[in-house]
Amino acid sequence: MKKIQQLREYLINSIAGLKTNPDTMQIKAMSGNPVCSMGNNLNIEYRYNVELILVDFANDLDLLMIPLLVWISEHQSDLLVNPDKAKTTINFEMDVIDNSKVDIRVTFPLTERHIINNNDGQLNINVPAEPQYQPFWPAQTLELQDQEGSTLVSFQTADQKGAALEMPFPTKR
């Protein structure tokens, strides 16, 4: 499971208290299942729930949540972009241990795609990065042309603020 390993490393490097004592953090993959359609490949999507536990955390909850949400925005952005998911899929519980420490448990779902290629009987596993958001095109005139180069339609796009999810096209085998 590459994502939970990446998450662990990211949080240790982001949160000062974890750099000096990384054993106060546990990350578990819970209730996982592999999804493989009966297509002409063995591609697998792993779906699982993450349980992130910090014991004796001596910082404000924001010092965990902000880097965690930044990581999620890059590695599982659908949890934040989809308004319905954003309301319910990232959950936490906190136990106050004393005036300076808490135990925190955060849960959220992750998915991980594993692309299996068959190269003459040799199977290769590729774990692609998640699609990233790209800025919208600037305002411009666009034309759609036929094969002979004749303009079929021409239109002006609006200047838009924000970004769109870049969706990679499948490659031919």
C-alpha atoms as a PDB file:
ATOM      1  CA  MET A   1       0.000   0.000   0.000  1.00  0.00           C
ATOM      2  CA  LYS A   2       1.919   2.968  -1.301  1.00  0.00           C
ATOM      3  CA  LYS A   3      -0.427   5.745  -0.201  1.00  0.00           C
ATOM      4  CA  ILE A   4      -0.293   4.993   3.510  1.00  0.00           C
ATOM      5  CA  GLN A   5       3.505   4.753   3.339  1.00  0.00           C
ATOM      6  CA  GLN A   6       3.606   8.138   1.545  1.00  0.00           C
ATOM      7  CA  LEU A   7       1.194   9.610   4.091  1.00  0.00           C
ATOM      8  CA  ARG A   8       3.308   8.418   7.019  1.00  0.00           C
ATOM      9  CA  GLU A   9       6.479   9.899   5.551  1.00  0.00           C
ATOM     10  CA  TYR A  10       4.693  13.170   4.677  1.00  0.00           C
ATOM     11  CA  LEU A  11       3.258  13.649   8.178  1.00  0.00           C
ATOM     12  CA  ILE A  12       6.554  12.808   9.883  1.00  0.00           C
ATOM     13  CA  ASN A  13       8.295  15.423   7.728  1.00  0.00           C
ATOM     14  CA  SER A  14       5.502  17.993   8.241  1.00  0.00           C
ATOM     15  CA  ILE A  15       4.749  17.861  11.967  1.00  0.00           C
ATOM     16  CA  ALA A  16       7.575  18.804  14.321  1.00  0.00           C
ATOM     17  CA  GLY A  17       6.563  16.456  17.148  1.00  0.00           C
ATOM     18  CA  LEU A  18       6.496  13.469  14.795  1.00  0.00           C
ATOM     19  CA  LYS A  19      10.003  14.133  13.486  1.00  0.00           C
ATOM     20  CA  THR A  20      11.442  13.518  16.929  1.00  0.00           C
ATOM     21  CA  ASN A  21       9.045  10.731  17.949  1.00  0.00           C
ATOM     22  CA  PRO A  22       7.490   9.008  14.889  1.00  0.00           C
ATOM     23  CA  ASP A  23       6.397   5.996  16.949  1.00  0.00           C
ATOM     24  CA  THR A  24       3.561   8.061  18.439  1.00  0.00           C
ATOM     25  CA  MET A  25       1.772   7.692  15.081  1.00  0.00           C
ATOM     26  CA  GLN A  26       0.142   4.539  13.754  1.00  0.00           C
ATOM     27  CA  ILE A  27      -1.458   4.208  10.334  1.00  0.00           C
ATOM     28  CA  LYS A  28      -3.615   1.206   9.485  1.00  0.00           C
ATOM     29  CA  ALA A  29      -5.480   0.097   6.360  1.00  0.00           C
ATOM     30  CA  MET A  30      -8.844  -1.199   7.543  1.00  0.00           C
ATOM     31  CA  SER A  31     -11.777  -2.900   5.793  1.00  0.00           C
ATOM     32  CA  GLY A  32      -9.945  -3.095   2.477  1.00  0.00           C
ATOM     33  CA  ASN A  33     -11.050  -4.863  -0.647  1.00  0.00           C
ATOM     34  CA  PRO A  34      -9.500  -5.348  -4.087  1.00  0.00           C
ATOM     35  CA  VAL A  35     -11.721  -4.447  -7.030  1.00  0.00           C
ATOM     36  CA  CYS A  36     -10.875  -6.236 -10.268  1.00  0.00           C
ATOM     37  CA  SER A  37     -13.265  -6.316 -13.186  1.00  0.00           C
ATOM     38  CA  MET A  38     -13.258  -9.399 -15.356  1.00  0.00           C
ATOM     39  CA  GLY A  39     -11.845  -7.468 -18.290  1.00  0.00           C
ATOM     40  CA  ASN A  40      -8.870  -8.360 -20.434  1.00  0.00           C
ATOM     41  CA  ASN A  41      -6.399  -7.329 -17.720  1.00  0.00           C
ATOM     42  CA  LEU A  42      -5.658  -7.849 -14.052  1.00  0.00           C
ATOM     43  CA  ASN A  43      -5.844  -4.180 -13.031  1.00  0.00           C
ATOM     44  CA  ILE A  44      -6.736  -3.753  -9.378  1.00  0.00           C
ATOM     45  CA  GLU A  45      -8.181  -0.854  -7.436  1.00  0.00           C
ATOM     46  CA  TYR A  46      -7.610  -1.250  -3.714  1.00  0.00           C
ATOM     47  CA  ARG A  47     -10.289   0.435  -1.600  1.00  0.00           C
ATOM     48  CA  TYR A  48      -9.683   0.745   2.115  1.00  0.00           C
ATOM     49  CA  ASN A  49     -10.298   2.910   5.144  1.00  0.00           C
ATOM     50  CA  VAL A  50      -7.348   4.561   6.810  1.00  0.00           C
ATOM     51  CA  GLU A  51      -7.121   4.749  10.570  1.00  0.00           C
ATOM     52  CA  LEU A  52      -4.553   7.340  11.636  1.00  0.00           C
ATOM     53  CA  ILE A  53      -3.785   7.344  15.365  1.00  0.00           C
ATOM     54  CA  LEU A  54      -1.617   9.836  17.225  1.00  0.00           C
ATOM     55  CA  VAL A  55      -0.967   9.167  20.906  1.00  0.00           C
ATOM     56  CA  ASP A  56       0.165  11.824  23.368  1.00  0.00           C
ATOM     57  CA  PHE A  57      -0.159  14.542  20.709  1.00  0.00           C
ATOM     58  CA  ALA A  58       0.984  17.784  22.339  1.00  0.00           C
ATOM     59  CA  ASN A  59      -0.145  20.197  19.605  1.00  0.00           C
ATOM     60  CA  ASP A  60      -3.315  21.841  18.412  1.00  0.00           C
ATOM     61  CA  LEU A  61      -5.566  19.730  16.150  1.00  0.00           C
ATOM     62  CA  ASP A  62      -4.931  22.222  13.302  1.00  0.00           C
ATOM     63  CA  LEU A  63      -1.258  21.206  13.237  1.00  0.00           C
ATOM     64  CA  LEU A  64      -2.395  17.723  12.184  1.00  0.00           C
ATOM     65  CA  MET A  65      -5.433  18.567  10.069  1.00  0.00           C
ATOM     66  CA  ILE A  66      -3.864  21.219   7.847  1.00  0.00           C
ATOM     67  CA  PRO A  67      -1.015  19.023   6.521  1.00  0.00           C
ATOM     68  CA  LEU A  68      -3.367  16.022   6.364  1.00  0.00           C
ATOM     69  CA  LEU A  69      -5.894  17.938   4.243  1.00  0.00           C
ATOM     70  CA  VAL A  70      -3.112  19.226   1.979  1.00  0.00           C
ATOM     71  CA  TRP A  71      -1.937  15.621   1.456  1.00  0.00           C
ATOM     72  CA  ILE A  72      -5.503  14.448   0.781  1.00  0.00           C
ATOM     73  CA  SER A  73      -6.008  17.296  -1.729  1.00  0.00           C
ATOM     74  CA  GLU A  74      -3.142  15.875  -3.789  1.00  0.00           C
ATOM     75  CA  HIS A  75      -3.588  12.123  -3.275  1.00  0.00           C
ATOM     76  CA  GLN A  76      -7.375  11.664  -2.886  1.00  0.00           C
ATOM     77  CA  SER A  77      -8.893  14.974  -3.955  1.00  0.00           C
ATOM     78  CA  ASP A  78     -12.398  13.573  -4.477  1.00  0.00           C
ATOM     79  CA  LEU A  79     -12.816  13.556  -0.680  1.00  0.00           C
ATOM     80  CA  LEU A  80     -12.573  17.355  -0.656  1.00  0.00           C
ATOM     81  CA  VAL A  81     -13.986  18.357  -4.057  1.00  0.00           C
ATOM     82  CA  ASN A  82     -17.246  16.408  -3.781  1.00  0.00           C
ATOM     83  CA  PRO A  83     -19.428  18.398  -1.326  1.00  0.00           C
ATOM     84  CA  ASP A  84     -21.256  15.302  -0.092  1.00  0.00           C
ATOM     85  CA  LYS A  85     -18.023  13.413   0.572  1.00  0.00           C
ATOM     86  CA  ALA A  86     -16.369  16.470   2.140  1.00  0.00           C
ATOM     87  CA  LYS A  87     -19.085  16.603   4.813  1.00  0.00           C
ATOM     88  CA  THR A  88     -18.861  13.014   5.996  1.00  0.00           C
ATOM     89  CA  THR A  89     -15.822  11.035   4.915  1.00  0.00           C
ATOM     90  CA  ILE A  90     -13.034  12.493   7.048  1.00  0.00           C
ATOM     91  CA  ASN A  91     -13.803  11.869  10.711  1.00  0.00           C
ATOM     92  CA  PHE A  92     -11.899  12.253  13.935  1.00  0.00           C
ATOM     93  CA  GLU A  93     -12.147  11.412  17.627  1.00  0.00           C
ATOM     94  CA  MET A  94     -10.030  12.953  20.340  1.00  0.00           C
ATOM     95  CA  ASP A  95      -9.374  11.882  23.925  1.00  0.00           C
ATOM     96  CA  VAL A  96      -7.938  14.471  26.293  1.00  0.00           C
ATOM     97  CA  ILE A  97      -5.180  12.743  28.252  1.00  0.00           C
ATOM     98  CA  ASP A  98      -4.134  15.723  30.401  1.00  0.00           C
ATOM     99  CA  ASN A  99      -3.792  19.502  30.049  1.00  0.00           C
ATOM    100  CA  SER A 100      -1.077  19.174  27.414  1.00  0.00           C
ATOM    101  CA  LYS A 101      -1.739  15.937  25.499  1.00  0.00           C
ATOM    102  CA  VAL A 102      -4.484  14.262  23.493  1.00  0.00           C
ATOM    103  CA  ASP A 103      -4.914  11.009  21.621  1.00  0.00           C
ATOM    104  CA  ILE A 104      -6.396  11.541  18.143  1.00  0.00           C
ATOM    105  CA  ARG A 105      -7.970   9.034  15.771  1.00  0.00           C
ATOM    106  CA  VAL A 106      -8.727  10.144  12.188  1.00  0.00           C
ATOM    107  CA  THR A 107     -10.458   7.901   9.652  1.00  0.00           C
ATOM    108  CA  PHE A 108     -10.994   8.373   5.920  1.00  0.00           C
ATOM    109  CA  PRO A 109     -11.212   6.217   2.770  1.00  0.00           C
ATOM    110  CA  LEU A 110      -8.481   5.845   0.160  1.00  0.00           C
ATOM    111  CA  THR A 111      -8.268   4.135  -3.206  1.00  0.00           C
ATOM    112  CA  GLU A 112      -5.158   2.990  -5.004  1.00  0.00           C
ATOM    113  CA  ARG A 113      -4.948   1.889  -8.632  1.00  0.00           C
ATOM    114  CA  HIS A 114      -2.489  -0.809  -9.660  1.00  0.00           C
ATOM    115  CA  ILE A 115      -2.084  -1.244 -13.416  1.00  0.00           C
ATOM    116  CA  ILE A 116      -0.917  -4.738 -14.388  1.00  0.00           C
ATOM    117  CA  ASN A 117       0.738  -4.983 -17.803  1.00  0.00           C
ATOM    118  CA  ASN A 118       1.432  -8.299 -19.530  1.00  0.00           C
ATOM    119  CA  ASN A 119       4.582  -8.030 -21.626  1.00  0.00           C
ATOM    120  CA  ASP A 120       4.960 -11.429 -23.297  1.00  0.00           C
ATOM    121  CA  GLY A 121       4.139 -13.344 -20.109  1.00  0.00           C
ATOM    122  CA  GLN A 122       6.067 -10.978 -17.829  1.00  0.00           C
ATOM    123  CA  LEU A 123       3.692  -9.103 -15.509  1.00  0.00           C
ATOM    124  CA  ASN A 124       4.654  -5.554 -14.527  1.00  0.00           C
ATOM    125  CA  ILE A 125       2.902  -3.535 -11.832  1.00  0.00           C
ATOM    126  CA  ASN A 126       2.555   0.229 -12.164  1.00  0.00           C
ATOM    127  CA  VAL A 127       0.971   2.407  -9.486  1.00  0.00           C
ATOM    128  CA  PRO A 128       0.099   5.669 -11.279  1.00  0.00           C
ATOM    129  CA  ALA A 129      -0.065   8.996  -9.499  1.00  0.00           C
ATOM    130  CA  GLU A 130      -3.464  10.535  -8.909  1.00  0.00           C
ATOM    131  CA  PRO A 131      -4.722  12.986 -11.553  1.00  0.00           C
ATOM    132  CA  GLN A 132      -3.830  16.565 -10.594  1.00  0.00           C
ATOM    133  CA  TYR A 133      -5.706  19.811 -11.076  1.00  0.00           C
ATOM    134  CA  GLN A 134      -4.513  22.090 -13.877  1.00  0.00           C
ATOM    135  CA  PRO A 135      -5.391  25.773 -14.383  1.00  0.00           C
ATOM    136  CA  PHE A 136      -8.192  26.521 -16.831  1.00  0.00           C
ATOM    137  CA  TRP A 137      -7.233  27.720 -20.305  1.00  0.00           C
ATOM    138  CA  PRO A 138      -7.040  31.497 -20.658  1.00  0.00           C
ATOM    139  CA  ALA A 139      -9.787  33.312 -22.575  1.00  0.00           C
ATOM    140  CA  GLN A 140      -9.207  32.618 -26.266  1.00  0.00           C
ATOM    141  CA  THR A 141     -10.853  31.929 -29.599  1.00  0.00           C
ATOM    142  CA  LEU A 142     -11.124  28.221 -30.378  1.00  0.00           C
ATOM    143  CA  GLU A 143     -11.901  26.640 -33.722  1.00  0.00           C
ATOM    144  CA  LEU A 144     -13.033  23.135 -34.602  1.00  0.00           C
ATOM    145  CA  GLN A 145     -11.869  22.136 -38.070  1.00  0.00           C
ATOM    146  CA  ASP A 146     -12.623  19.195 -40.317  1.00  0.00           C
ATOM    147  CA  GLN A 147      -9.950  16.990 -41.907  1.00  0.00           C
ATOM    148  CA  GLU A 148      -9.488  19.435 -44.800  1.00  0.00           C
ATOM    149  CA  GLY A 149      -8.833  22.363 -42.436  1.00  0.00           C
ATOM    150  CA  SER A 150     -12.175  24.101 -42.972  1.00  0.00           C
ATOM    151  CA  THR A 151     -13.543  25.788 -39.853  1.00  0.00           C
ATOM    152  CA  LEU A 152     -16.731  24.095 -38.669  1.00  0.00           C
ATOM    153  CA  VAL A 153     -17.258  26.252 -35.592  1.00  0.00           C
ATOM    154  CA  SER A 154     -15.408  29.129 -33.947  1.00  0.00           C
ATOM    155  CA  PHE A 155     -16.113  30.487 -30.463  1.00  0.00           C
ATOM    156  CA  GLN A 156     -14.637  32.595 -27.677  1.00  0.00           C
ATOM    157  CA  THR A 157     -14.030  31.065 -24.255  1.00  0.00           C
ATOM    158  CA  ALA A 158     -14.539  32.989 -21.036  1.00  0.00           C
ATOM    159  CA  ASP A 159     -11.728  33.836 -18.648  1.00  0.00           C
ATOM    160  CA  GLN A 160     -12.276  31.364 -15.810  1.00  0.00           C
ATOM    161  CA  LYS A 161     -10.791  31.228 -12.339  1.00  0.00           C
ATOM    162  CA  GLY A 162      -9.929  27.890 -10.795  1.00  0.00           C
ATOM    163  CA  ALA A 163      -8.729  24.547 -12.058  1.00  0.00           C
ATOM    164  CA  ALA A 164      -9.958  21.340 -13.648  1.00  0.00           C
ATOM    165  CA  LEU A 165      -8.989  17.754 -12.935  1.00  0.00           C
ATOM    166  CA  GLU A 166      -6.547  16.470 -15.538  1.00  0.00           C
ATOM    167  CA  MET A 167      -7.752  13.043 -16.637  1.00  0.00           C
ATOM    168  CA  PRO A 168      -5.114  10.936 -18.370  1.00  0.00           C
ATOM    169  CA  PHE A 169      -6.294   8.967 -21.345  1.00  0.00           C
ATOM    170  CA  PRO A 170      -5.644   5.210 -21.310  1.00  0.00           C
ATOM    171  CA  THR A 171      -2.667   4.191 -23.364  1.00  0.00           C
ATOM    172  CA  LYS A 172      -2.970   1.629 -26.127  1.00  0.00           C
ATOM    173  CA  ARG A 173      -1.385  -1.735 -25.480  1.00  0.00           C
END
